[in-house]
Amino acid sequence: MSVLLLVEGPADSHTIANLIKRSGVGTYRRFDENNKAPVDFVIKDMGGYPQLRKSLASELLSTEFGSYGLVVDADSDVAKRWLSVTDRLRELQSRLAFTLQEVPREPNPSGTILRTGTPLTIGIWLWPDNIAAGDMESFAGKLVPPDDLLWPHADEAIRTLPETRFLETHRTKAHIHTWLAWQDPPGQQLGEAIRSSTLRSDTLLAQTLLAWLTKLKESTP
């Protein structure tokens, strides 16, 4: 059976898909009700965190998948997002006939794997690294080569703008996309940048995410 990865949006989907492809940790496809081809990972774009959280009951009721991975932004408060996810899972226990075992007080830095007393396994990954506040773009920033001269220059360019037209919470998005605008070809999307090796898939953080995905795959009946 496949692992169903529930992600917030298309950029998350493309990023994870290309990391899987580059690493060779398994086969994948994007979710399509008309496509039941056997693969290791099926990636489903849920249209944002609120919809992902709301739809968990119906998603976990499916008999098509053996385990699930929830991949969401930590945003500005890691603890708050962690409680939001785990409290929702606790709400669903009796309805879905499983019992969460040993839910940690905070996410595992290596990615969390929750057992349920049934064959069902649920994994949780909070972008960027299960520790810091941030989002998928914060994760992508950690895939920039460490000696890249344009990375700090992109940060300086944003910091010295005569006028800032984006929210402060979107600064990491502005940083990574400014840097990508200076690559060849300019303006690659995050998944494309991983596929072209503009962003590295061999960093410690990328390998940690891939190891978490592998554990989910190996836990699938």
N, C-alpha and C. Protein backbone atom coordinates (compact mmCIF):
# COMPACT_ATOMS: atom_id res chain seq x y z
N MET A 1 0.84 -1.20 0.00
CA MET A 1 0.00 0.00 0.00
C MET A 1 0.87 1.25 0.00
N SER A 2 0.30 2.35 -0.43
CA SER A 2 1.04 3.60 -0.54
C SER A 2 0.96 4.43 0.73
N VAL A 3 1.91 5.33 0.88
CA VAL A 3 1.85 6.40 1.88
C VAL A 3 1.14 7.58 1.24
N LEU A 4 0.12 8.12 1.89
CA LEU A 4 -0.54 9.32 1.40
C LEU A 4 0.07 10.52 2.12
N LEU A 5 0.69 11.42 1.37
CA LEU A 5 1.26 12.64 1.94
C LEU A 5 0.27 13.78 1.71
N LEU A 6 -0.25 14.33 2.79
CA LEU A 6 -1.17 15.46 2.71
C LEU A 6 -0.37 16.74 2.91
N VAL A 7 -0.37 17.61 1.91
CA VAL A 7 0.42 18.83 1.95
C VAL A 7 -0.49 20.04 1.76
N GLU A 8 0.02 21.21 2.08
CA GLU A 8 -0.82 22.41 2.05
C GLU A 8 -1.13 22.89 0.64
N GLY A 9 -0.16 22.86 -0.27
CA GLY A 9 -0.39 23.45 -1.57
C GLY A 9 0.49 22.87 -2.65
N PRO A 10 0.36 23.35 -3.88
CA PRO A 10 1.10 22.80 -5.02
C PRO A 10 2.61 22.97 -4.90
N ALA A 11 3.08 24.06 -4.30
CA ALA A 11 4.53 24.24 -4.16
C ALA A 11 5.12 23.17 -3.25
N ASP A 12 4.39 22.83 -2.17
CA ASP A 12 4.82 21.74 -1.28
C ASP A 12 4.88 20.43 -2.06
N SER A 13 3.83 20.18 -2.84
CA SER A 13 3.74 18.95 -3.62
C SER A 13 4.92 18.81 -4.57
N HIS A 14 5.22 19.88 -5.31
CA HIS A 14 6.32 19.83 -6.28
C HIS A 14 7.67 19.69 -5.59
N THR A 15 7.83 20.35 -4.46
CA THR A 15 9.09 20.27 -3.73
C THR A 15 9.35 18.85 -3.25
N ILE A 16 8.35 18.25 -2.61
CA ILE A 16 8.52 16.89 -2.10
C ILE A 16 8.70 15.90 -3.24
N ALA A 17 7.91 16.06 -4.30
CA ALA A 17 8.02 15.15 -5.44
C ALA A 17 9.43 15.15 -6.02
N ASN A 18 10.01 16.32 -6.16
CA ASN A 18 11.34 16.40 -6.76
C ASN A 18 12.43 15.93 -5.81
N LEU A 19 12.23 16.10 -4.50
CA LEU A 19 13.18 15.53 -3.55
C LEU A 19 13.15 14.00 -3.62
N ILE A 20 11.95 13.43 -3.69
CA ILE A 20 11.82 11.98 -3.82
C ILE A 20 12.49 11.50 -5.11
N LYS A 21 12.23 12.22 -6.19
CA LYS A 21 12.78 11.82 -7.49
C LYS A 21 14.30 11.91 -7.49
N ARG A 22 14.85 13.00 -6.95
CA ARG A 22 16.30 13.19 -6.94
C ARG A 22 16.99 12.15 -6.07
N SER A 23 16.34 11.77 -4.97
CA SER A 23 16.99 10.89 -4.00
C SER A 23 16.82 9.41 -4.34
N GLY A 24 15.75 9.09 -5.04
CA GLY A 24 15.48 7.70 -5.35
C GLY A 24 14.95 6.90 -4.17
N VAL A 25 14.33 7.56 -3.18
CA VAL A 25 13.83 6.84 -2.01
C VAL A 25 12.54 6.06 -2.30
N GLY A 26 11.96 6.30 -3.46
CA GLY A 26 10.74 5.56 -3.78
C GLY A 26 10.07 6.13 -5.02
N THR A 27 8.97 5.53 -5.37
CA THR A 27 8.17 6.01 -6.50
C THR A 27 7.05 6.90 -5.96
N TYR A 28 6.52 7.74 -6.81
CA TYR A 28 5.47 8.67 -6.36
C TYR A 28 4.56 9.04 -7.52
N ARG A 29 3.42 9.55 -7.16
CA ARG A 29 2.52 10.20 -8.11
C ARG A 29 1.69 11.19 -7.34
N ARG A 30 1.14 12.16 -8.04
CA ARG A 30 0.22 13.10 -7.41
C ARG A 30 -1.17 12.47 -7.35
N PHE A 31 -1.93 12.83 -6.35
CA PHE A 31 -3.24 12.23 -6.14
C PHE A 31 -4.17 12.50 -7.31
N ASP A 32 -4.81 11.44 -7.77
CA ASP A 32 -5.81 11.52 -8.83
C ASP A 32 -6.78 10.37 -8.59
N GLU A 33 -8.05 10.69 -8.39
CA GLU A 33 -9.04 9.66 -8.09
C GLU A 33 -9.13 8.61 -9.17
N ASN A 34 -8.72 8.96 -10.40
CA ASN A 34 -8.81 8.01 -11.51
C ASN A 34 -7.52 7.25 -11.74
N ASN A 35 -6.52 7.52 -10.92
CA ASN A 35 -5.23 6.85 -11.07
C ASN A 35 -4.93 6.06 -9.80
N LYS A 36 -4.93 4.76 -9.90
CA LYS A 36 -4.67 3.89 -8.75
C LYS A 36 -3.35 3.14 -8.92
N ALA A 37 -2.48 3.66 -9.77
CA ALA A 37 -1.20 2.97 -10.01
C ALA A 37 -0.44 2.79 -8.70
N PRO A 38 0.11 1.60 -8.45
CA PRO A 38 0.84 1.36 -7.20
C PRO A 38 2.17 2.11 -7.16
N VAL A 39 2.34 2.91 -6.14
CA VAL A 39 3.58 3.67 -5.93
C VAL A 39 3.85 3.70 -4.43
N ASP A 40 5.03 4.15 -4.06
CA ASP A 40 5.36 4.26 -2.64
C ASP A 40 4.66 5.46 -1.99
N PHE A 41 4.59 6.59 -2.72
CA PHE A 41 4.04 7.81 -2.15
C PHE A 41 3.01 8.43 -3.10
N VAL A 42 1.88 8.82 -2.53
CA VAL A 42 0.88 9.61 -3.26
C VAL A 42 0.82 10.96 -2.57
N ILE A 43 0.96 12.03 -3.33
CA ILE A 43 1.03 13.38 -2.75
C ILE A 43 -0.26 14.13 -3.09
N LYS A 44 -0.94 14.62 -2.06
CA LYS A 44 -2.22 15.29 -2.27
C LYS A 44 -2.17 16.71 -1.74
N ASP A 45 -2.43 17.66 -2.63
CA ASP A 45 -2.52 19.08 -2.29
C ASP A 45 -3.90 19.34 -1.70
N MET A 46 -3.92 19.83 -0.45
CA MET A 46 -5.17 19.99 0.27
C MET A 46 -5.74 21.40 0.20
N GLY A 47 -5.04 22.34 -0.42
CA GLY A 47 -5.58 23.69 -0.54
C GLY A 47 -5.47 24.52 0.72
N GLY A 48 -4.40 24.31 1.48
CA GLY A 48 -4.17 25.11 2.68
C GLY A 48 -4.34 24.30 3.96
N TYR A 49 -3.74 24.82 5.05
CA TYR A 49 -3.79 24.09 6.31
C TYR A 49 -5.19 23.93 6.88
N PRO A 50 -6.03 24.98 6.89
CA PRO A 50 -7.38 24.80 7.46
C PRO A 50 -8.15 23.66 6.79
N GLN A 51 -8.05 23.56 5.47
CA GLN A 51 -8.76 22.50 4.76
C GLN A 51 -8.14 21.14 5.06
N LEU A 52 -6.81 21.10 5.16
CA LEU A 52 -6.14 19.84 5.50
C LEU A 52 -6.62 19.34 6.85
N ARG A 53 -6.64 20.23 7.84
CA ARG A 53 -7.07 19.85 9.19
C ARG A 53 -8.52 19.39 9.20
N LYS A 54 -9.36 20.13 8.49
CA LYS A 54 -10.78 19.81 8.44
C LYS A 54 -11.05 18.47 7.79
N SER A 55 -10.26 18.13 6.79
CA SER A 55 -10.51 16.92 5.98
C SER A 55 -9.84 15.67 6.53
N LEU A 56 -9.13 15.77 7.65
CA LEU A 56 -8.38 14.63 8.16
C LEU A 56 -9.27 13.41 8.39
N ALA A 57 -10.47 13.61 8.91
CA ALA A 57 -11.34 12.47 9.21
C ALA A 57 -11.61 11.65 7.95
N SER A 58 -12.04 12.31 6.89
CA SER A 58 -12.35 11.58 5.66
C SER A 58 -11.11 10.98 5.03
N GLU A 59 -9.98 11.66 5.13
CA GLU A 59 -8.74 11.13 4.55
C GLU A 59 -8.28 9.86 5.29
N LEU A 60 -8.35 9.89 6.61
CA LEU A 60 -7.88 8.75 7.40
C LEU A 60 -8.83 7.56 7.34
N LEU A 61 -10.05 7.78 6.88
CA LEU A 61 -11.00 6.68 6.73
C LEU A 61 -10.72 5.83 5.50
N SER A 62 -9.91 6.33 4.60
CA SER A 62 -9.64 5.61 3.36
C SER A 62 -8.94 4.28 3.64
N THR A 63 -9.34 3.25 2.91
CA THR A 63 -8.67 1.95 3.02
C THR A 63 -7.64 1.76 1.92
N GLU A 64 -7.43 2.82 1.13
CA GLU A 64 -6.51 2.73 -0.01
C GLU A 64 -5.05 2.87 0.43
N PHE A 65 -4.82 3.53 1.58
CA PHE A 65 -3.46 3.86 2.00
C PHE A 65 -3.10 3.19 3.32
N GLY A 66 -1.83 2.85 3.46
CA GLY A 66 -1.38 2.16 4.66
C GLY A 66 -0.87 3.07 5.74
N SER A 67 -0.37 4.23 5.37
CA SER A 67 0.09 5.22 6.34
C SER A 67 -0.05 6.60 5.73
N TYR A 68 0.08 7.61 6.61
CA TYR A 68 -0.17 8.99 6.20
C TYR A 68 0.96 9.88 6.69
N GLY A 69 1.30 10.88 5.89
CA GLY A 69 2.24 11.90 6.30
C GLY A 69 1.59 13.26 6.18
N LEU A 70 1.58 14.02 7.27
CA LEU A 70 1.00 15.37 7.28
C LEU A 70 2.17 16.34 7.23
N VAL A 71 2.24 17.14 6.17
CA VAL A 71 3.36 18.06 5.98
C VAL A 71 2.81 19.48 5.93
N VAL A 72 3.06 20.25 7.00
CA VAL A 72 2.46 21.57 7.13
C VAL A 72 3.48 22.58 7.64
N ASP A 73 3.21 23.85 7.39
CA ASP A 73 4.08 24.92 7.89
C ASP A 73 3.97 25.06 9.41
N ALA A 74 5.11 25.28 10.06
CA ALA A 74 5.07 25.65 11.48
C ALA A 74 4.53 27.05 11.66
N ASP A 75 4.71 27.90 10.65
CA ASP A 75 4.33 29.31 10.71
C ASP A 75 5.07 30.01 11.86
N SER A 76 4.42 30.93 12.54
CA SER A 76 5.13 31.76 13.52
C SER A 76 5.25 31.12 14.89
N ASP A 77 4.55 30.00 15.11
CA ASP A 77 4.53 29.40 16.45
C ASP A 77 4.52 27.88 16.30
N VAL A 78 5.67 27.25 16.50
CA VAL A 78 5.78 25.80 16.33
C VAL A 78 4.87 25.07 17.31
N ALA A 79 4.89 25.48 18.57
CA ALA A 79 4.10 24.79 19.60
C ALA A 79 2.61 24.86 19.28
N LYS A 80 2.15 26.02 18.83
CA LYS A 80 0.74 26.19 18.51
C LYS A 80 0.33 25.30 17.35
N ARG A 81 1.15 25.24 16.31
CA ARG A 81 0.82 24.40 15.16
C ARG A 81 0.86 22.92 15.54
N TRP A 82 1.83 22.53 16.38
CA TRP A 82 1.93 21.14 16.83
C TRP A 82 0.67 20.74 17.59
N LEU A 83 0.21 21.59 18.48
CA LEU A 83 -1.01 21.29 19.23
C LEU A 83 -2.22 21.24 18.31
N SER A 84 -2.26 22.11 17.33
CA SER A 84 -3.38 22.12 16.40
C SER A 84 -3.48 20.79 15.66
N VAL A 85 -2.35 20.26 15.23
CA VAL A 85 -2.35 18.98 14.50
C VAL A 85 -2.66 17.82 15.43
N THR A 86 -1.96 17.73 16.55
CA THR A 86 -2.13 16.57 17.44
C THR A 86 -3.48 16.58 18.15
N ASP A 87 -3.99 17.76 18.49
CA ASP A 87 -5.32 17.82 19.10
C ASP A 87 -6.39 17.34 18.12
N ARG A 88 -6.23 17.68 16.85
CA ARG A 88 -7.19 17.21 15.85
C ARG A 88 -7.15 15.69 15.74
N LEU A 89 -5.95 15.11 15.78
CA LEU A 89 -5.85 13.66 15.72
C LEU A 89 -6.48 13.01 16.95
N ARG A 90 -6.28 13.63 18.10
CA ARG A 90 -6.89 13.10 19.32
C ARG A 90 -8.42 13.12 19.22
N GLU A 91 -8.96 14.19 18.62
CA GLU A 91 -10.41 14.30 18.45
C GLU A 91 -10.98 13.15 17.63
N LEU A 92 -10.17 12.63 16.71
CA LEU A 92 -10.65 11.64 15.76
C LEU A 92 -10.47 10.20 16.22
N GLN A 93 -9.82 10.00 17.37
CA GLN A 93 -9.47 8.64 17.79
C GLN A 93 -10.68 7.71 17.89
N SER A 94 -11.69 8.11 18.67
CA SER A 94 -12.83 7.21 18.87
C SER A 94 -13.63 7.03 17.58
N ARG A 95 -13.74 8.10 16.83
CA ARG A 95 -14.50 8.03 15.58
C ARG A 95 -13.86 7.08 14.58
N LEU A 96 -12.51 7.06 14.56
CA LEU A 96 -11.80 6.25 13.57
C LEU A 96 -11.23 4.97 14.17
N ALA A 97 -11.56 4.70 15.43
CA ALA A 97 -11.19 3.44 16.09
C ALA A 97 -9.69 3.20 16.13
N PHE A 98 -8.94 4.22 16.56
CA PHE A 98 -7.53 4.01 16.83
C PHE A 98 -7.16 4.76 18.10
N THR A 99 -6.02 4.44 18.66
CA THR A 99 -5.55 5.09 19.87
C THR A 99 -4.13 5.56 19.68
N LEU A 100 -3.92 6.85 19.73
CA LEU A 100 -2.57 7.39 19.58
C LEU A 100 -1.71 6.96 20.76
N GLN A 101 -0.52 6.50 20.47
CA GLN A 101 0.37 6.00 21.50
C GLN A 101 1.59 6.93 21.64
N GLU A 102 1.82 7.40 22.84
CA GLU A 102 3.01 8.19 23.16
C GLU A 102 3.17 9.41 22.24
N VAL A 103 2.18 10.29 22.24
CA VAL A 103 2.29 11.54 21.48
C VAL A 103 3.25 12.46 22.23
N PRO A 104 4.37 12.84 21.63
CA PRO A 104 5.32 13.69 22.34
C PRO A 104 4.78 15.10 22.57
N ARG A 105 5.33 15.78 23.55
CA ARG A 105 4.89 17.15 23.86
C ARG A 105 5.30 18.14 22.78
N GLU A 106 6.30 17.77 22.01
CA GLU A 106 6.77 18.63 20.92
C GLU A 106 7.24 17.74 19.78
N PRO A 107 7.31 18.28 18.57
CA PRO A 107 7.68 17.44 17.43
C PRO A 107 9.11 16.92 17.51
N ASN A 108 9.31 15.75 16.98
CA ASN A 108 10.65 15.17 16.87
C ASN A 108 11.42 15.94 15.81
N PRO A 109 12.64 16.40 16.09
CA PRO A 109 13.42 17.13 15.08
C PRO A 109 13.65 16.32 13.80
N SER A 110 13.58 15.00 13.91
CA SER A 110 13.78 14.14 12.75
C SER A 110 12.49 13.82 12.02
N GLY A 111 11.38 14.45 12.45
CA GLY A 111 10.08 14.12 11.91
C GLY A 111 9.40 13.12 12.81
N THR A 112 8.15 13.32 13.11
CA THR A 112 7.43 12.49 14.08
C THR A 112 6.70 11.34 13.39
N ILE A 113 6.76 10.16 14.02
CA ILE A 113 5.99 9.00 13.58
C ILE A 113 5.11 8.57 14.74
N LEU A 114 3.80 8.57 14.54
CA LEU A 114 2.85 8.20 15.58
C LEU A 114 2.25 6.83 15.29
N ARG A 115 2.26 5.98 16.31
CA ARG A 115 1.61 4.67 16.21
C ARG A 115 0.20 4.79 16.78
N THR A 116 -0.69 3.93 16.32
CA THR A 116 -2.11 4.07 16.67
C THR A 116 -2.71 2.82 17.30
N GLY A 117 -1.92 1.78 17.55
CA GLY A 117 -2.48 0.54 18.05
C GLY A 117 -3.17 -0.27 16.97
N THR A 118 -3.10 0.19 15.73
CA THR A 118 -3.64 -0.49 14.56
C THR A 118 -2.55 -0.47 13.49
N PRO A 119 -2.76 -1.07 12.34
CA PRO A 119 -1.76 -0.98 11.28
C PRO A 119 -1.52 0.45 10.77
N LEU A 120 -2.44 1.36 11.10
CA LEU A 120 -2.33 2.76 10.63
C LEU A 120 -1.18 3.49 11.33
N THR A 121 -0.33 4.12 10.55
CA THR A 121 0.75 4.96 11.06
C THR A 121 0.57 6.37 10.52
N ILE A 122 0.80 7.37 11.37
CA ILE A 122 0.65 8.77 10.96
C ILE A 122 1.95 9.51 11.25
N GLY A 123 2.50 10.13 10.23
CA GLY A 123 3.71 10.93 10.39
C GLY A 123 3.38 12.41 10.31
N ILE A 124 4.18 13.22 11.00
CA ILE A 124 3.99 14.68 10.98
C ILE A 124 5.34 15.34 10.74
N TRP A 125 5.38 16.24 9.76
CA TRP A 125 6.56 17.07 9.50
C TRP A 125 6.12 18.52 9.48
N LEU A 126 6.76 19.35 10.30
CA LEU A 126 6.48 20.78 10.31
C LEU A 126 7.61 21.52 9.61
N TRP A 127 7.29 22.13 8.46
CA TRP A 127 8.30 22.97 7.78
C TRP A 127 8.71 24.10 8.71
N PRO A 128 10.00 24.49 8.78
CA PRO A 128 11.06 23.91 7.96
C PRO A 128 11.73 22.67 8.52
N ASP A 129 11.90 22.58 9.85
CA ASP A 129 12.75 21.52 10.40
C ASP A 129 12.22 20.93 11.70
N ASN A 130 10.92 21.13 11.95
CA ASN A 130 10.26 20.62 13.17
C ASN A 130 10.72 21.32 14.45
N ILE A 131 11.55 22.32 14.33
CA ILE A 131 12.08 23.03 15.50
C ILE A 131 11.78 24.53 15.42
N ALA A 132 12.14 25.13 14.29
CA ALA A 132 12.03 26.57 14.15
C ALA A 132 10.70 26.98 13.53
N ALA A 133 10.29 28.21 13.83
CA ALA A 133 9.15 28.79 13.14
C ALA A 133 9.52 28.98 11.67
N GLY A 134 8.53 28.94 10.80
CA GLY A 134 8.82 29.14 9.39
C GLY A 134 7.88 28.35 8.50
N ASP A 135 8.30 28.20 7.25
CA ASP A 135 7.45 27.58 6.25
C ASP A 135 8.31 26.79 5.27
N MET A 136 7.69 26.34 4.19
CA MET A 136 8.42 25.54 3.21
C MET A 136 9.56 26.34 2.57
N GLU A 137 9.33 27.64 2.38
CA GLU A 137 10.38 28.47 1.81
C GLU A 137 11.58 28.58 2.75
N SER A 138 11.33 28.54 4.07
CA SER A 138 12.43 28.51 5.03
C SER A 138 13.24 27.23 4.86
N PHE A 139 12.55 26.12 4.63
CA PHE A 139 13.22 24.85 4.34
C PHE A 139 14.06 24.97 3.08
N ALA A 140 13.48 25.54 2.02
CA ALA A 140 14.20 25.68 0.75
C ALA A 140 15.45 26.52 0.91
N GLY A 141 15.38 27.55 1.77
CA GLY A 141 16.55 28.39 2.00
C GLY A 141 17.73 27.61 2.56
N LYS A 142 17.43 26.52 3.26
CA LYS A 142 18.49 25.69 3.83
C LYS A 142 19.07 24.71 2.81
N LEU A 143 18.52 24.71 1.59
CA LEU A 143 19.07 23.90 0.50
C LEU A 143 19.97 24.71 -0.41
N VAL A 144 20.10 26.00 -0.14
CA VAL A 144 21.03 26.85 -0.90
C VAL A 144 22.46 26.45 -0.53
N PRO A 145 23.35 26.30 -1.50
CA PRO A 145 24.74 25.96 -1.17
C PRO A 145 25.31 26.93 -0.14
N PRO A 146 25.98 26.43 0.91
CA PRO A 146 26.40 27.28 2.02
C PRO A 146 27.39 28.38 1.64
N ASP A 147 28.13 28.20 0.55
CA ASP A 147 29.12 29.19 0.15
C ASP A 147 28.61 30.09 -0.98
N ASP A 148 27.30 30.08 -1.22
CA ASP A 148 26.74 30.86 -2.32
C ASP A 148 26.83 32.35 -2.02
N LEU A 149 27.46 33.12 -2.88
CA LEU A 149 27.68 34.54 -2.63
C LEU A 149 26.42 35.38 -2.85
N LEU A 150 25.49 34.88 -3.64
CA LEU A 150 24.29 35.67 -3.93
C LEU A 150 23.24 35.56 -2.83
N TRP A 151 23.32 34.52 -2.00
CA TRP A 151 22.31 34.35 -0.95
C TRP A 151 22.30 35.51 0.04
N PRO A 152 23.44 35.87 0.64
CA PRO A 152 23.42 37.03 1.54
C PRO A 152 23.14 38.33 0.79
N HIS A 153 23.53 38.39 -0.48
CA HIS A 153 23.27 39.59 -1.27
C HIS A 153 21.77 39.76 -1.50
N ALA A 154 21.05 38.64 -1.71
CA ALA A 154 19.60 38.71 -1.87
C ALA A 154 18.95 39.21 -0.58
N ASP A 155 19.46 38.76 0.56
CA ASP A 155 18.94 39.23 1.84
C ASP A 155 19.17 40.72 2.01
N GLU A 156 20.35 41.18 1.63
CA GLU A 156 20.67 42.60 1.73
C GLU A 156 19.79 43.42 0.78
N ALA A 157 19.53 42.89 -0.41
CA ALA A 157 18.69 43.60 -1.37
C ALA A 157 17.28 43.80 -0.82
N ILE A 158 16.76 42.78 -0.15
CA ILE A 158 15.43 42.89 0.44
C ILE A 158 15.44 43.86 1.62
N ARG A 159 16.47 43.77 2.43
CA ARG A 159 16.55 44.60 3.64
C ARG A 159 16.65 46.08 3.31
N THR A 160 17.24 46.40 2.16
CA THR A 160 17.46 47.81 1.80
C THR A 160 16.46 48.33 0.77
N LEU A 161 15.38 47.62 0.57
CA LEU A 161 14.34 48.10 -0.34
C LEU A 161 13.83 49.47 0.12
N PRO A 162 13.59 50.38 -0.80
CA PRO A 162 13.05 51.69 -0.39
C PRO A 162 11.62 51.60 0.14
N GLU A 163 10.94 50.53 -0.23
CA GLU A 163 9.57 50.31 0.25
C GLU A 163 9.32 48.81 0.29
N THR A 164 8.74 48.32 1.37
CA THR A 164 8.43 46.89 1.50
C THR A 164 6.94 46.69 1.27
N ARG A 165 6.62 45.87 0.28
CA ARG A 165 5.22 45.67 -0.09
C ARG A 165 4.70 44.28 0.28
N PHE A 166 5.46 43.52 1.05
CA PHE A 166 5.01 42.21 1.49
C PHE A 166 4.99 42.18 3.01
N LEU A 167 4.21 41.26 3.55
CA LEU A 167 4.15 41.11 4.99
C LEU A 167 5.48 40.60 5.53
N GLU A 168 5.81 41.00 6.74
CA GLU A 168 7.06 40.53 7.35
C GLU A 168 7.09 39.02 7.45
N THR A 169 5.95 38.40 7.63
CA THR A 169 5.89 36.94 7.72
C THR A 169 6.23 36.26 6.39
N HIS A 170 6.25 37.04 5.30
CA HIS A 170 6.57 36.50 3.98
C HIS A 170 8.00 36.83 3.57
N ARG A 171 8.81 37.27 4.49
CA ARG A 171 10.19 37.65 4.15
C ARG A 171 10.99 36.47 3.60
N THR A 172 10.80 35.29 4.19
CA THR A 172 11.56 34.14 3.70
C THR A 172 11.16 33.80 2.26
N LYS A 173 9.89 34.00 1.92
CA LYS A 173 9.45 33.78 0.55
C LYS A 173 10.13 34.77 -0.39
N ALA A 174 10.18 36.04 0.03
CA ALA A 174 10.83 37.06 -0.79
C ALA A 174 12.31 36.75 -0.97
N HIS A 175 12.95 36.27 0.08
CA HIS A 175 14.39 35.98 0.03
C HIS A 175 14.70 34.87 -0.97
N ILE A 176 14.02 33.73 -0.83
CA ILE A 176 14.34 32.60 -1.71
C ILE A 176 13.98 32.90 -3.16
N HIS A 177 12.87 33.60 -3.38
CA HIS A 177 12.46 33.86 -4.76
C HIS A 177 13.29 34.97 -5.39
N THR A 178 13.81 35.90 -4.58
CA THR A 178 14.77 36.87 -5.12
C THR A 178 16.03 36.16 -5.57
N TRP A 179 16.52 35.26 -4.73
CA TRP A 179 17.72 34.49 -5.08
C TRP A 179 17.49 33.64 -6.33
N LEU A 180 16.32 33.00 -6.43
CA LEU A 180 16.02 32.18 -7.61
C LEU A 180 15.90 33.03 -8.88
N ALA A 181 15.53 34.29 -8.72
CA ALA A 181 15.43 35.18 -9.89
C ALA A 181 16.80 35.45 -10.50
N TRP A 182 17.86 35.19 -9.75
CA TRP A 182 19.23 35.45 -10.22
C TRP A 182 19.94 34.19 -10.70
N GLN A 183 19.20 33.08 -10.77
CA GLN A 183 19.80 31.82 -11.22
C GLN A 183 19.56 31.63 -12.72
N ASP A 184 20.07 30.53 -13.25
CA ASP A 184 19.89 30.22 -14.67
C ASP A 184 19.15 28.89 -14.79
N PRO A 185 17.93 28.91 -15.33
CA PRO A 185 17.18 30.07 -15.79
C PRO A 185 16.60 30.84 -14.60
N PRO A 186 16.37 32.14 -14.78
CA PRO A 186 15.82 32.94 -13.69
C PRO A 186 14.39 32.53 -13.35
N GLY A 187 14.06 32.64 -12.06
CA GLY A 187 12.69 32.48 -11.62
C GLY A 187 12.18 31.05 -11.57
N GLN A 188 13.06 30.09 -11.34
CA GLN A 188 12.60 28.70 -11.20
C GLN A 188 11.70 28.57 -9.96
N GLN A 189 10.71 27.70 -10.06
CA GLN A 189 9.93 27.35 -8.89
C GLN A 189 10.77 26.41 -8.03
N LEU A 190 10.36 26.22 -6.78
CA LEU A 190 11.19 25.47 -5.84
C LEU A 190 11.43 24.04 -6.30
N GLY A 191 10.38 23.37 -6.76
CA GLY A 191 10.54 22.01 -7.25
C GLY A 191 11.48 21.93 -8.44
N GLU A 192 11.36 22.89 -9.35
CA GLU A 192 12.24 22.94 -10.52
C GLU A 192 13.68 23.16 -10.09
N ALA A 193 13.88 24.01 -9.08
CA ALA A 193 15.23 24.31 -8.61
C ALA A 193 15.88 23.07 -7.98
N ILE A 194 15.09 22.23 -7.34
CA ILE A 194 15.62 20.97 -6.81
C ILE A 194 15.95 20.03 -7.95
N ARG A 195 15.06 19.94 -8.92
CA ARG A 195 15.29 19.05 -10.06
C ARG A 195 16.55 19.43 -10.82
N SER A 196 16.82 20.73 -10.96
CA SER A 196 17.99 21.20 -11.71
C SER A 196 19.26 21.26 -10.87
N SER A 197 19.15 20.93 -9.58
CA SER A 197 20.27 20.99 -8.62
C SER A 197 20.68 22.41 -8.28
N THR A 198 19.84 23.40 -8.63
CA THR A 198 20.09 24.76 -8.16
C THR A 198 19.97 24.78 -6.64
N LEU A 199 18.99 24.07 -6.12
CA LEU A 199 18.87 23.81 -4.69
C LEU A 199 19.36 22.39 -4.44
N ARG A 200 20.15 22.21 -3.40
CA ARG A 200 20.77 20.91 -3.13
C ARG A 200 19.81 19.97 -2.41
N SER A 201 19.81 18.73 -2.83
CA SER A 201 18.99 17.71 -2.17
C SER A 201 19.82 16.82 -1.25
N ASP A 202 21.10 17.15 -1.07
CA ASP A 202 21.98 16.33 -0.25
C ASP A 202 22.36 17.01 1.07
N THR A 203 21.67 18.09 1.42
CA THR A 203 21.97 18.75 2.70
C THR A 203 21.45 17.88 3.85
N LEU A 204 21.92 18.16 5.05
CA LEU A 204 21.49 17.39 6.21
C LEU A 204 19.98 17.48 6.39
N LEU A 205 19.40 18.67 6.22
CA LEU A 205 17.97 18.83 6.43
C LEU A 205 17.17 18.06 5.38
N ALA A 206 17.59 18.13 4.12
CA ALA A 206 16.91 17.37 3.06
C ALA A 206 16.98 15.88 3.34
N GLN A 207 18.14 15.42 3.78
CA GLN A 207 18.31 14.00 4.08
C GLN A 207 17.47 13.59 5.29
N THR A 208 17.29 14.50 6.24
CA THR A 208 16.44 14.20 7.41
C THR A 208 14.99 14.02 6.97
N LEU A 209 14.51 14.90 6.11
CA LEU A 209 13.15 14.76 5.58
C LEU A 209 13.00 13.46 4.81
N LEU A 210 13.97 13.13 3.99
CA LEU A 210 13.90 11.91 3.19
C LEU A 210 13.96 10.66 4.07
N ALA A 211 14.72 10.73 5.16
CA ALA A 211 14.76 9.60 6.10
C ALA A 211 13.40 9.40 6.77
N TRP A 212 12.73 10.51 7.09
CA TRP A 212 11.38 10.44 7.67
C TRP A 212 10.41 9.80 6.67
N LEU A 213 10.50 10.19 5.41
CA LEU A 213 9.65 9.60 4.38
C LEU A 213 9.92 8.11 4.24
N THR A 214 11.18 7.73 4.32
CA THR A 214 11.54 6.31 4.22
C THR A 214 10.95 5.52 5.38
N LYS A 215 10.99 6.07 6.60
CA LYS A 215 10.40 5.39 7.77
C LYS A 215 8.90 5.21 7.56
N LEU A 216 8.25 6.22 7.02
CA LEU A 216 6.81 6.08 6.75
C LEU A 216 6.56 4.97 5.73
N LYS A 217 7.36 4.95 4.70
CA LYS A 217 7.21 3.90 3.68
C LYS A 217 7.40 2.52 4.30
N GLU A 218 8.41 2.38 5.13
CA GLU A 218 8.71 1.08 5.72
C GLU A 218 7.67 0.65 6.75
N SER A 219 6.90 1.62 7.28
CA SER A 219 5.86 1.28 8.26
C SER A 219 4.53 0.92 7.59
N THR A 220 4.47 1.05 6.28
CA THR A 220 3.22 0.79 5.56
C THR A 220 3.03 -0.71 5.35
N PRO A 221 1.85 -1.23 5.71
CA PRO A 221 1.60 -2.67 5.54
C PRO A 221 1.72 -3.11 4.10
